[in-house]
Amino acid sequence: FLKDFLGQESVKKNLHTFVEAAKIREEPLDHLLLIGPPGLGKTTLAQITAHELGVDFKVTSAPALDKPKDLAGILSTITPRTVFFIDEIHRLKPAIEEMLYIAMEDFELDWIIGQGAAARTVRIPIPPFTLIGATTKAGSVSSPLRSRVGFIPRFEFYSQIELSTIIKMSANMLDVKIDENASLCLAKC
């Protein structure tokens, strides 16, 4: 649950408001772009968001989307209001990014059938969904993609106290006893 996610308080507060509004409207959450250094919980928060919304969660990474058919294969199987998470979104290939724009805005996929003069474009409807992209390189995310996103939170490094709490929770899950001073010392390292 969102309330159980440690740290990133301002991100959680804003996200909670957006999630509750989407649930009341019974619409997909607006698209998000999660920015921050690795290891701060961007993927975990995307999963929690899907759980809070009570919807499916599909995950991939930009390097795994090699051809437009890879993106079409995922988006053609989603259910309404699915959270579709793309890690390392700054690494999307231009052709895939262009295809994603239409999916994000119009909830359709443009698919070319045939070749040469006989080629034609077919628009395939897809269910409304929420894209959540994660990046460690905010400056590498294209302006057109950024402009299609409604919420762009930045993740901050955890404080020593937050890290200590995470260490204690992890130790508890593993049924390992840890001293308060030891958890603070580990959090400092």
N, C-alpha and C. Protein backbone atom coordinates (compact mmCIF):
# COMPACT_ATOMS: atom_id res chain seq x y z
N PHE A 1 0.83 -1.19 0.00
CA PHE A 1 0.00 0.00 0.00
C PHE A 1 0.87 1.25 0.00
N LEU A 2 0.33 2.32 -0.53
CA LEU A 2 1.06 3.58 -0.61
C LEU A 2 1.48 4.07 0.77
N LYS A 3 0.63 3.88 1.75
CA LYS A 3 0.96 4.34 3.11
C LYS A 3 2.13 3.57 3.72
N ASP A 4 2.41 2.38 3.23
CA ASP A 4 3.49 1.55 3.75
C ASP A 4 4.83 1.80 3.06
N PHE A 5 4.80 2.56 1.97
CA PHE A 5 6.03 2.88 1.23
C PHE A 5 6.79 3.93 2.02
N LEU A 6 8.02 3.63 2.39
CA LEU A 6 8.80 4.54 3.21
C LEU A 6 9.48 5.62 2.37
N GLY A 7 9.50 6.84 2.91
CA GLY A 7 10.18 7.94 2.25
C GLY A 7 9.35 8.55 1.14
N GLN A 8 9.97 9.49 0.42
CA GLN A 8 9.34 10.16 -0.73
C GLN A 8 7.98 10.73 -0.35
N GLU A 9 7.91 11.39 0.79
CA GLU A 9 6.63 11.86 1.34
C GLU A 9 5.86 12.78 0.41
N SER A 10 6.52 13.75 -0.22
CA SER A 10 5.78 14.67 -1.10
C SER A 10 5.28 13.94 -2.35
N VAL A 11 6.06 13.00 -2.86
CA VAL A 11 5.62 12.20 -4.01
C VAL A 11 4.39 11.40 -3.62
N LYS A 12 4.44 10.74 -2.46
CA LYS A 12 3.32 9.91 -2.00
C LYS A 12 2.06 10.75 -1.79
N LYS A 13 2.21 11.92 -1.20
CA LYS A 13 1.06 12.76 -0.91
C LYS A 13 0.35 13.18 -2.21
N ASN A 14 1.12 13.65 -3.19
CA ASN A 14 0.54 14.06 -4.47
C ASN A 14 -0.05 12.86 -5.21
N LEU A 15 0.68 11.75 -5.21
CA LEU A 15 0.22 10.56 -5.91
C LEU A 15 -1.09 10.05 -5.30
N HIS A 16 -1.18 10.09 -3.98
CA HIS A 16 -2.41 9.66 -3.30
C HIS A 16 -3.61 10.48 -3.80
N THR A 17 -3.43 11.78 -3.92
CA THR A 17 -4.50 12.66 -4.39
C THR A 17 -4.91 12.29 -5.82
N PHE A 18 -3.92 12.08 -6.69
CA PHE A 18 -4.21 11.71 -8.08
C PHE A 18 -4.91 10.36 -8.16
N VAL A 19 -4.46 9.40 -7.37
CA VAL A 19 -5.05 8.06 -7.38
C VAL A 19 -6.51 8.12 -6.93
N GLU A 20 -6.76 8.81 -5.84
CA GLU A 20 -8.13 8.91 -5.33
C GLU A 20 -9.05 9.59 -6.34
N ALA A 21 -8.56 10.63 -7.00
CA ALA A 21 -9.38 11.33 -8.01
C ALA A 21 -9.69 10.40 -9.18
N ALA A 22 -8.70 9.62 -9.62
CA ALA A 22 -8.93 8.69 -10.74
C ALA A 22 -9.94 7.62 -10.36
N LYS A 23 -9.87 7.15 -9.11
CA LYS A 23 -10.82 6.13 -8.65
C LYS A 23 -12.25 6.69 -8.61
N ILE A 24 -12.39 7.91 -8.14
CA ILE A 24 -13.72 8.52 -8.06
C ILE A 24 -14.29 8.71 -9.46
N ARG A 25 -13.45 9.16 -10.41
CA ARG A 25 -13.89 9.40 -11.79
C ARG A 25 -14.02 8.10 -12.58
N GLU A 26 -13.48 7.00 -12.03
CA GLU A 26 -13.45 5.71 -12.72
C GLU A 26 -12.78 5.84 -14.08
N GLU A 27 -11.67 6.56 -14.09
CA GLU A 27 -10.87 6.78 -15.29
C GLU A 27 -9.43 6.35 -15.00
N PRO A 28 -8.65 6.16 -16.06
CA PRO A 28 -7.24 5.85 -15.80
C PRO A 28 -6.54 7.06 -15.19
N LEU A 29 -5.55 6.78 -14.41
CA LEU A 29 -4.71 7.83 -13.83
C LEU A 29 -3.97 8.51 -14.96
N ASP A 30 -3.70 9.80 -14.82
CA ASP A 30 -2.91 10.50 -15.83
C ASP A 30 -1.52 9.87 -15.90
N HIS A 31 -0.85 10.00 -17.04
CA HIS A 31 0.47 9.42 -17.23
C HIS A 31 1.48 10.08 -16.29
N LEU A 32 2.46 9.30 -15.84
CA LEU A 32 3.48 9.77 -14.90
C LEU A 32 4.88 9.53 -15.45
N LEU A 33 5.81 10.36 -15.02
CA LEU A 33 7.22 10.17 -15.30
C LEU A 33 7.96 10.28 -13.97
N LEU A 34 8.50 9.16 -13.51
CA LEU A 34 9.21 9.12 -12.23
C LEU A 34 10.70 9.34 -12.49
N ILE A 35 11.26 10.36 -11.85
CA ILE A 35 12.65 10.74 -12.09
C ILE A 35 13.45 10.59 -10.80
N GLY A 36 14.62 9.97 -10.90
CA GLY A 36 15.49 9.90 -9.74
C GLY A 36 16.58 8.87 -9.91
N PRO A 37 17.55 8.91 -9.01
CA PRO A 37 18.66 7.94 -9.06
C PRO A 37 18.16 6.51 -8.90
N PRO A 38 18.97 5.54 -9.31
CA PRO A 38 18.55 4.14 -9.17
C PRO A 38 18.42 3.72 -7.71
N GLY A 39 17.53 2.78 -7.48
CA GLY A 39 17.39 2.19 -6.16
C GLY A 39 16.54 2.94 -5.17
N LEU A 40 15.77 3.93 -5.62
CA LEU A 40 14.96 4.71 -4.70
C LEU A 40 13.49 4.31 -4.68
N GLY A 41 13.12 3.29 -5.49
CA GLY A 41 11.76 2.77 -5.40
C GLY A 41 10.82 3.17 -6.50
N LYS A 42 11.33 3.61 -7.63
CA LYS A 42 10.44 4.02 -8.73
C LYS A 42 9.58 2.85 -9.23
N THR A 43 10.19 1.70 -9.44
CA THR A 43 9.45 0.53 -9.90
C THR A 43 8.45 0.07 -8.84
N THR A 44 8.88 0.05 -7.60
CA THR A 44 8.00 -0.35 -6.50
C THR A 44 6.80 0.58 -6.41
N LEU A 45 7.03 1.88 -6.53
CA LEU A 45 5.93 2.84 -6.45
C LEU A 45 4.96 2.67 -7.63
N ALA A 46 5.47 2.31 -8.79
CA ALA A 46 4.59 2.04 -9.94
C ALA A 46 3.70 0.83 -9.65
N GLN A 47 4.28 -0.22 -9.07
CA GLN A 47 3.50 -1.41 -8.72
C GLN A 47 2.46 -1.07 -7.66
N ILE A 48 2.84 -0.29 -6.67
CA ILE A 48 1.91 0.11 -5.61
C ILE A 48 0.77 0.94 -6.21
N THR A 49 1.08 1.79 -7.17
CA THR A 49 0.05 2.62 -7.81
C THR A 49 -1.00 1.73 -8.48
N ALA A 50 -0.54 0.72 -9.21
CA ALA A 50 -1.49 -0.22 -9.84
C ALA A 50 -2.34 -0.91 -8.79
N HIS A 51 -1.70 -1.33 -7.71
CA HIS A 51 -2.43 -2.01 -6.62
C HIS A 51 -3.47 -1.07 -6.02
N GLU A 52 -3.09 0.17 -5.75
CA GLU A 52 -4.01 1.15 -5.16
C GLU A 52 -5.21 1.40 -6.09
N LEU A 53 -4.95 1.40 -7.40
CA LEU A 53 -6.02 1.62 -8.37
C LEU A 53 -6.86 0.36 -8.60
N GLY A 54 -6.33 -0.80 -8.17
CA GLY A 54 -7.03 -2.06 -8.38
C GLY A 54 -7.03 -2.50 -9.83
N VAL A 55 -5.91 -2.23 -10.53
CA VAL A 55 -5.82 -2.54 -11.96
C VAL A 55 -4.61 -3.42 -12.24
N ASP A 56 -4.55 -3.93 -13.48
CA ASP A 56 -3.42 -4.76 -13.90
C ASP A 56 -2.15 -3.92 -14.01
N PHE A 57 -1.01 -4.61 -13.92
CA PHE A 57 0.30 -3.97 -14.02
C PHE A 57 1.12 -4.71 -15.07
N LYS A 58 1.53 -4.00 -16.10
CA LYS A 58 2.40 -4.55 -17.14
C LYS A 58 3.72 -3.81 -17.05
N VAL A 59 4.81 -4.55 -17.16
CA VAL A 59 6.13 -3.93 -17.00
C VAL A 59 7.07 -4.34 -18.13
N THR A 60 7.86 -3.38 -18.56
CA THR A 60 8.93 -3.65 -19.52
C THR A 60 9.99 -2.58 -19.33
N SER A 61 11.03 -2.65 -20.13
CA SER A 61 12.05 -1.61 -20.13
C SER A 61 12.23 -1.14 -21.56
N ALA A 62 12.66 0.09 -21.73
CA ALA A 62 12.83 0.64 -23.08
C ALA A 62 13.75 -0.21 -23.94
N PRO A 63 14.89 -0.70 -23.41
CA PRO A 63 15.75 -1.52 -24.27
C PRO A 63 15.08 -2.81 -24.77
N ALA A 64 14.08 -3.30 -24.06
CA ALA A 64 13.38 -4.53 -24.47
C ALA A 64 12.41 -4.27 -25.63
N LEU A 65 12.04 -3.01 -25.83
CA LEU A 65 11.13 -2.64 -26.92
C LEU A 65 11.97 -2.33 -28.15
N ASP A 66 12.28 -3.36 -28.90
CA ASP A 66 13.19 -3.22 -30.03
C ASP A 66 12.49 -2.74 -31.29
N LYS A 67 11.27 -3.22 -31.52
CA LYS A 67 10.51 -2.89 -32.73
C LYS A 67 9.10 -2.45 -32.33
N PRO A 68 8.43 -1.67 -33.19
CA PRO A 68 7.06 -1.25 -32.87
C PRO A 68 6.13 -2.42 -32.54
N LYS A 69 6.36 -3.58 -33.16
CA LYS A 69 5.49 -4.72 -32.87
C LYS A 69 5.63 -5.17 -31.41
N ASP A 70 6.78 -4.90 -30.77
CA ASP A 70 6.95 -5.24 -29.36
C ASP A 70 5.99 -4.42 -28.50
N LEU A 71 5.92 -3.12 -28.79
CA LEU A 71 5.00 -2.24 -28.06
C LEU A 71 3.55 -2.62 -28.37
N ALA A 72 3.26 -2.87 -29.64
CA ALA A 72 1.90 -3.24 -30.04
C ALA A 72 1.47 -4.55 -29.36
N GLY A 73 2.40 -5.49 -29.23
CA GLY A 73 2.09 -6.75 -28.57
C GLY A 73 1.67 -6.58 -27.13
N ILE A 74 2.30 -5.65 -26.44
CA ILE A 74 1.94 -5.39 -25.04
C ILE A 74 0.63 -4.63 -24.95
N LEU A 75 0.54 -3.53 -25.70
CA LEU A 75 -0.64 -2.67 -25.59
C LEU A 75 -1.92 -3.31 -26.14
N SER A 76 -1.78 -4.27 -27.03
CA SER A 76 -2.98 -4.92 -27.57
C SER A 76 -3.56 -5.95 -26.61
N THR A 77 -2.85 -6.23 -25.51
CA THR A 77 -3.34 -7.22 -24.55
C THR A 77 -3.71 -6.62 -23.20
N ILE A 78 -3.66 -5.30 -23.08
CA ILE A 78 -3.96 -4.70 -21.78
C ILE A 78 -5.46 -4.64 -21.54
N THR A 79 -5.82 -4.55 -20.27
CA THR A 79 -7.21 -4.38 -19.87
C THR A 79 -7.44 -2.90 -19.53
N PRO A 80 -8.68 -2.45 -19.48
CA PRO A 80 -8.94 -1.04 -19.18
C PRO A 80 -8.27 -0.57 -17.89
N ARG A 81 -7.66 0.59 -17.97
CA ARG A 81 -7.00 1.32 -16.87
C ARG A 81 -5.71 0.64 -16.38
N THR A 82 -5.17 -0.31 -17.14
CA THR A 82 -3.90 -0.96 -16.78
C THR A 82 -2.82 0.09 -16.56
N VAL A 83 -1.94 -0.17 -15.60
CA VAL A 83 -0.74 0.63 -15.43
C VAL A 83 0.36 -0.06 -16.24
N PHE A 84 0.89 0.65 -17.23
CA PHE A 84 1.94 0.15 -18.10
C PHE A 84 3.23 0.87 -17.73
N PHE A 85 4.17 0.14 -17.17
CA PHE A 85 5.42 0.72 -16.65
C PHE A 85 6.57 0.45 -17.62
N ILE A 86 7.26 1.52 -18.01
CA ILE A 86 8.45 1.39 -18.85
C ILE A 86 9.64 1.95 -18.08
N ASP A 87 10.55 1.06 -17.71
CA ASP A 87 11.78 1.48 -17.03
C ASP A 87 12.77 1.99 -18.08
N GLU A 88 13.62 2.90 -17.66
CA GLU A 88 14.63 3.49 -18.55
C GLU A 88 13.97 4.11 -19.79
N ILE A 89 12.88 4.81 -19.58
CA ILE A 89 12.08 5.34 -20.69
C ILE A 89 12.88 6.30 -21.57
N HIS A 90 13.93 6.87 -21.02
CA HIS A 90 14.77 7.78 -21.82
C HIS A 90 15.50 7.05 -22.95
N ARG A 91 15.49 5.71 -22.94
CA ARG A 91 16.18 4.93 -23.96
C ARG A 91 15.24 4.41 -25.06
N LEU A 92 14.00 4.90 -25.10
CA LEU A 92 13.07 4.48 -26.16
C LEU A 92 13.60 4.87 -27.53
N LYS A 93 13.42 3.98 -28.49
CA LYS A 93 13.77 4.28 -29.88
C LYS A 93 12.73 5.25 -30.43
N PRO A 94 13.14 6.17 -31.33
CA PRO A 94 12.20 7.18 -31.85
C PRO A 94 10.92 6.60 -32.46
N ALA A 95 11.01 5.53 -33.22
CA ALA A 95 9.80 4.95 -33.85
C ALA A 95 8.83 4.43 -32.80
N ILE A 96 9.36 3.87 -31.75
CA ILE A 96 8.50 3.34 -30.67
C ILE A 96 7.90 4.49 -29.88
N GLU A 97 8.71 5.51 -29.65
CA GLU A 97 8.21 6.68 -28.92
C GLU A 97 7.07 7.34 -29.69
N GLU A 98 7.22 7.48 -31.00
CA GLU A 98 6.15 8.06 -31.83
C GLU A 98 4.87 7.23 -31.73
N MET A 99 5.00 5.93 -31.77
CA MET A 99 3.85 5.03 -31.66
C MET A 99 3.19 5.17 -30.28
N LEU A 100 4.01 5.36 -29.28
CA LEU A 100 3.52 5.51 -27.90
C LEU A 100 2.71 6.79 -27.73
N TYR A 101 3.10 7.86 -28.42
CA TYR A 101 2.36 9.13 -28.31
C TYR A 101 0.89 8.94 -28.68
N ILE A 102 0.62 8.27 -29.79
CA ILE A 102 -0.76 8.07 -30.24
C ILE A 102 -1.51 7.20 -29.23
N ALA A 103 -0.82 6.19 -28.72
CA ALA A 103 -1.45 5.32 -27.72
C ALA A 103 -1.79 6.10 -26.46
N MET A 104 -0.89 6.99 -26.02
CA MET A 104 -1.11 7.77 -24.80
C MET A 104 -2.25 8.77 -24.96
N GLU A 105 -2.33 9.39 -26.12
CA GLU A 105 -3.31 10.46 -26.33
C GLU A 105 -4.66 9.97 -26.81
N ASP A 106 -4.64 9.07 -27.79
CA ASP A 106 -5.88 8.66 -28.45
C ASP A 106 -6.32 7.25 -28.08
N PHE A 107 -5.49 6.52 -27.34
CA PHE A 107 -5.74 5.12 -27.00
C PHE A 107 -6.00 4.30 -28.26
N GLU A 108 -5.08 4.48 -29.20
CA GLU A 108 -5.10 3.75 -30.46
C GLU A 108 -3.66 3.45 -30.88
N LEU A 109 -3.52 2.41 -31.68
CA LEU A 109 -2.23 2.07 -32.27
C LEU A 109 -2.32 2.26 -33.77
N ASP A 110 -1.35 2.93 -34.35
CA ASP A 110 -1.25 3.02 -35.81
C ASP A 110 -0.45 1.82 -36.29
N TRP A 111 -1.04 1.05 -37.19
CA TRP A 111 -0.36 -0.14 -37.70
C TRP A 111 -0.37 -0.08 -39.22
N ILE A 112 0.81 -0.26 -39.84
CA ILE A 112 0.92 -0.21 -41.29
C ILE A 112 0.77 -1.62 -41.85
N ILE A 113 -0.15 -1.75 -42.79
CA ILE A 113 -0.40 -3.04 -43.44
C ILE A 113 0.03 -2.91 -44.90
N GLY A 114 0.80 -3.88 -45.36
CA GLY A 114 1.27 -3.87 -46.74
C GLY A 114 2.57 -3.10 -46.87
N GLN A 115 3.04 -3.02 -48.13
CA GLN A 115 4.29 -2.33 -48.40
C GLN A 115 4.16 -1.48 -49.65
N GLY A 116 5.03 -0.51 -49.75
CA GLY A 116 5.08 0.34 -50.95
C GLY A 116 3.79 1.10 -51.16
N ALA A 117 3.37 1.20 -52.45
CA ALA A 117 2.18 1.97 -52.81
C ALA A 117 0.89 1.36 -52.24
N ALA A 118 0.92 0.07 -51.95
CA ALA A 118 -0.26 -0.61 -51.42
C ALA A 118 -0.37 -0.50 -49.89
N ALA A 119 0.63 0.09 -49.26
CA ALA A 119 0.63 0.20 -47.79
C ALA A 119 -0.49 1.13 -47.33
N ARG A 120 -1.08 0.78 -46.20
CA ARG A 120 -2.10 1.63 -45.60
C ARG A 120 -1.98 1.54 -44.09
N THR A 121 -2.45 2.57 -43.43
CA THR A 121 -2.40 2.62 -41.98
C THR A 121 -3.77 2.26 -41.41
N VAL A 122 -3.75 1.40 -40.41
CA VAL A 122 -4.97 1.01 -39.73
C VAL A 122 -4.83 1.45 -38.27
N ARG A 123 -5.87 2.07 -37.76
CA ARG A 123 -5.88 2.46 -36.35
C ARG A 123 -6.60 1.38 -35.55
N ILE A 124 -5.88 0.85 -34.56
CA ILE A 124 -6.43 -0.21 -33.72
C ILE A 124 -6.73 0.39 -32.34
N PRO A 125 -7.98 0.35 -31.90
CA PRO A 125 -8.29 0.90 -30.57
C PRO A 125 -7.73 0.01 -29.47
N ILE A 126 -7.27 0.64 -28.41
CA ILE A 126 -6.80 -0.07 -27.21
C ILE A 126 -7.51 0.54 -26.01
N PRO A 127 -7.60 -0.20 -24.91
CA PRO A 127 -8.26 0.36 -23.73
C PRO A 127 -7.47 1.52 -23.14
N PRO A 128 -8.15 2.48 -22.54
CA PRO A 128 -7.44 3.55 -21.85
C PRO A 128 -6.52 2.96 -20.78
N PHE A 129 -5.31 3.50 -20.68
CA PHE A 129 -4.32 2.99 -19.74
C PHE A 129 -3.52 4.15 -19.15
N THR A 130 -2.71 3.83 -18.16
CA THR A 130 -1.80 4.80 -17.57
C THR A 130 -0.38 4.37 -17.87
N LEU A 131 0.38 5.24 -18.49
CA LEU A 131 1.80 4.98 -18.69
C LEU A 131 2.56 5.56 -17.50
N ILE A 132 3.42 4.76 -16.90
CA ILE A 132 4.35 5.27 -15.90
C ILE A 132 5.74 4.97 -16.43
N GLY A 133 6.49 6.01 -16.71
CA GLY A 133 7.86 5.86 -17.15
C GLY A 133 8.79 6.19 -16.00
N ALA A 134 9.93 5.51 -15.97
CA ALA A 134 10.94 5.80 -14.95
C ALA A 134 12.26 6.09 -15.64
N THR A 135 12.98 7.07 -15.11
CA THR A 135 14.26 7.43 -15.69
C THR A 135 15.22 7.92 -14.62
N THR A 136 16.48 7.66 -14.86
CA THR A 136 17.54 8.22 -14.03
C THR A 136 18.16 9.42 -14.74
N LYS A 137 17.75 9.66 -15.98
CA LYS A 137 18.32 10.74 -16.80
C LYS A 137 17.21 11.63 -17.33
N ALA A 138 16.75 12.52 -16.49
CA ALA A 138 15.62 13.39 -16.84
C ALA A 138 15.90 14.21 -18.09
N GLY A 139 17.12 14.67 -18.27
CA GLY A 139 17.48 15.49 -19.42
C GLY A 139 17.44 14.73 -20.74
N SER A 140 17.42 13.40 -20.68
CA SER A 140 17.40 12.59 -21.90
C SER A 140 15.98 12.23 -22.35
N VAL A 141 14.99 12.60 -21.57
CA VAL A 141 13.60 12.34 -21.94
C VAL A 141 13.17 13.44 -22.91
N SER A 142 12.63 13.04 -24.06
CA SER A 142 12.27 14.01 -25.09
C SER A 142 11.16 14.95 -24.60
N SER A 143 11.17 16.16 -25.13
CA SER A 143 10.14 17.15 -24.79
C SER A 143 8.75 16.68 -25.19
N PRO A 144 8.56 16.06 -26.38
CA PRO A 144 7.21 15.59 -26.72
C PRO A 144 6.67 14.55 -25.74
N LEU A 145 7.54 13.67 -25.26
CA LEU A 145 7.09 12.67 -24.29
C LEU A 145 6.76 13.35 -22.96
N ARG A 146 7.64 14.22 -22.53
CA ARG A 146 7.43 14.94 -21.27
C ARG A 146 6.13 15.74 -21.29
N SER A 147 5.79 16.31 -22.44
CA SER A 147 4.58 17.15 -22.53
C SER A 147 3.29 16.33 -22.45
N ARG A 148 3.38 15.03 -22.64
CA ARG A 148 2.20 14.16 -22.60
C ARG A 148 1.98 13.54 -21.23
N VAL A 149 2.78 13.94 -20.26
CA VAL A 149 2.73 13.38 -18.91
C VAL A 149 2.12 14.42 -17.97
N GLY A 150 1.22 13.96 -17.10
CA GLY A 150 0.52 14.88 -16.20
C GLY A 150 1.20 15.11 -14.87
N PHE A 151 2.07 14.19 -14.44
CA PHE A 151 2.69 14.31 -13.12
C PHE A 151 4.12 13.80 -13.23
N ILE A 152 5.08 14.67 -12.83
CA ILE A 152 6.50 14.32 -12.96
C ILE A 152 7.19 14.51 -11.60
N PRO A 153 7.06 13.52 -10.71
CA PRO A 153 7.73 13.66 -9.41
C PRO A 153 9.21 13.30 -9.49
N ARG A 154 9.99 13.95 -8.63
CA ARG A 154 11.42 13.66 -8.51
C ARG A 154 11.66 12.94 -7.18
N PHE A 155 12.37 11.84 -7.26
CA PHE A 155 12.71 11.07 -6.08
C PHE A 155 13.98 11.62 -5.45
N GLU A 156 13.99 11.70 -4.13
CA GLU A 156 15.14 12.20 -3.38
C GLU A 156 15.82 11.04 -2.67
N PHE A 157 17.08 11.22 -2.33
CA PHE A 157 17.79 10.21 -1.55
C PHE A 157 17.14 10.09 -0.17
N TYR A 158 17.22 8.90 0.41
CA TYR A 158 16.65 8.65 1.73
C TYR A 158 17.53 9.22 2.82
N SER A 159 16.90 9.67 3.90
CA SER A 159 17.65 10.14 5.06
C SER A 159 18.20 8.94 5.81
N GLN A 160 19.11 9.19 6.73
CA GLN A 160 19.69 8.11 7.53
C GLN A 160 18.60 7.42 8.36
N ILE A 161 17.67 8.18 8.90
CA ILE A 161 16.58 7.61 9.70
C ILE A 161 15.69 6.72 8.82
N GLU A 162 15.36 7.19 7.61
CA GLU A 162 14.53 6.37 6.70
C GLU A 162 15.26 5.08 6.32
N LEU A 163 16.54 5.18 6.04
CA LEU A 163 17.33 3.98 5.70
C LEU A 163 17.38 3.02 6.88
N SER A 164 17.53 3.56 8.07
CA SER A 164 17.55 2.73 9.28
C SER A 164 16.22 1.99 9.44
N THR A 165 15.13 2.68 9.20
CA THR A 165 13.80 2.05 9.29
C THR A 165 13.66 0.94 8.26
N ILE A 166 14.14 1.18 7.05
CA ILE A 166 14.08 0.16 5.99
C ILE A 166 14.91 -1.05 6.38
N ILE A 167 16.07 -0.82 6.94
CA ILE A 167 16.94 -1.92 7.39
C ILE A 167 16.25 -2.74 8.46
N LYS A 168 15.63 -2.07 9.42
CA LYS A 168 14.94 -2.78 10.51
C LYS A 168 13.74 -3.58 9.98
N MET A 169 13.00 -3.00 9.03
CA MET A 169 11.86 -3.71 8.45
C MET A 169 12.34 -4.94 7.68
N SER A 170 13.41 -4.78 6.92
CA SER A 170 13.95 -5.91 6.16
C SER A 170 14.45 -7.00 7.08
N ALA A 171 15.13 -6.61 8.15
CA ALA A 171 15.62 -7.59 9.13
C ALA A 171 14.45 -8.33 9.77
N ASN A 172 13.38 -7.61 10.09
CA ASN A 172 12.20 -8.22 10.68
C ASN A 172 11.56 -9.23 9.73
N MET A 173 11.47 -8.89 8.43
CA MET A 173 10.90 -9.81 7.44
C MET A 173 11.74 -11.08 7.33
N LEU A 174 13.05 -10.94 7.54
CA LEU A 174 13.96 -12.09 7.46
C LEU A 174 14.10 -12.81 8.80
N ASP A 175 13.35 -12.31 9.80
CA ASP A 175 13.40 -12.86 11.15
C ASP A 175 14.82 -12.79 11.73
N VAL A 176 15.46 -11.63 11.50
CA VAL A 176 16.81 -11.37 12.02
C VAL A 176 16.70 -10.20 12.99
N LYS A 177 17.29 -10.36 14.15
CA LYS A 177 17.26 -9.29 15.14
C LYS A 177 18.38 -8.30 14.83
N ILE A 178 18.05 -7.01 14.92
CA ILE A 178 19.07 -5.99 14.68
C ILE A 178 18.91 -4.88 15.71
N ASP A 179 20.01 -4.47 16.24
CA ASP A 179 20.06 -3.40 17.24
C ASP A 179 19.82 -2.04 16.56
N GLU A 180 19.21 -1.11 17.28
CA GLU A 180 18.94 0.24 16.76
C GLU A 180 20.23 0.92 16.30
N ASN A 181 21.27 0.84 17.13
CA ASN A 181 22.55 1.47 16.77
C ASN A 181 23.16 0.81 15.53
N ALA A 182 23.00 -0.50 15.40
CA ALA A 182 23.55 -1.20 14.24
C ALA A 182 22.82 -0.77 12.96
N SER A 183 21.50 -0.61 13.05
CA SER A 183 20.75 -0.18 11.86
C SER A 183 21.13 1.25 11.47
N LEU A 184 21.36 2.11 12.45
CA LEU A 184 21.80 3.48 12.15
C LEU A 184 23.19 3.48 11.54
N CYS A 185 24.05 2.61 12.05
CA CYS A 185 25.42 2.51 11.53
C CYS A 185 25.39 2.01 10.09
N LEU A 186 24.57 1.00 9.81
CA LEU A 186 24.45 0.49 8.44
C LEU A 186 23.87 1.54 7.50
N ALA A 187 22.94 2.33 8.01
CA ALA A 187 22.31 3.37 7.20
C ALA A 187 23.30 4.47 6.85
N LYS A 188 24.30 4.65 7.67
CA LYS A 188 25.32 5.68 7.45
C LYS A 188 26.31 5.27 6.37
N CYS A 189 26.51 3.95 6.21
CA CYS A 189 27.53 3.45 5.27
C CYS A 189 27.24 3.76 3.85
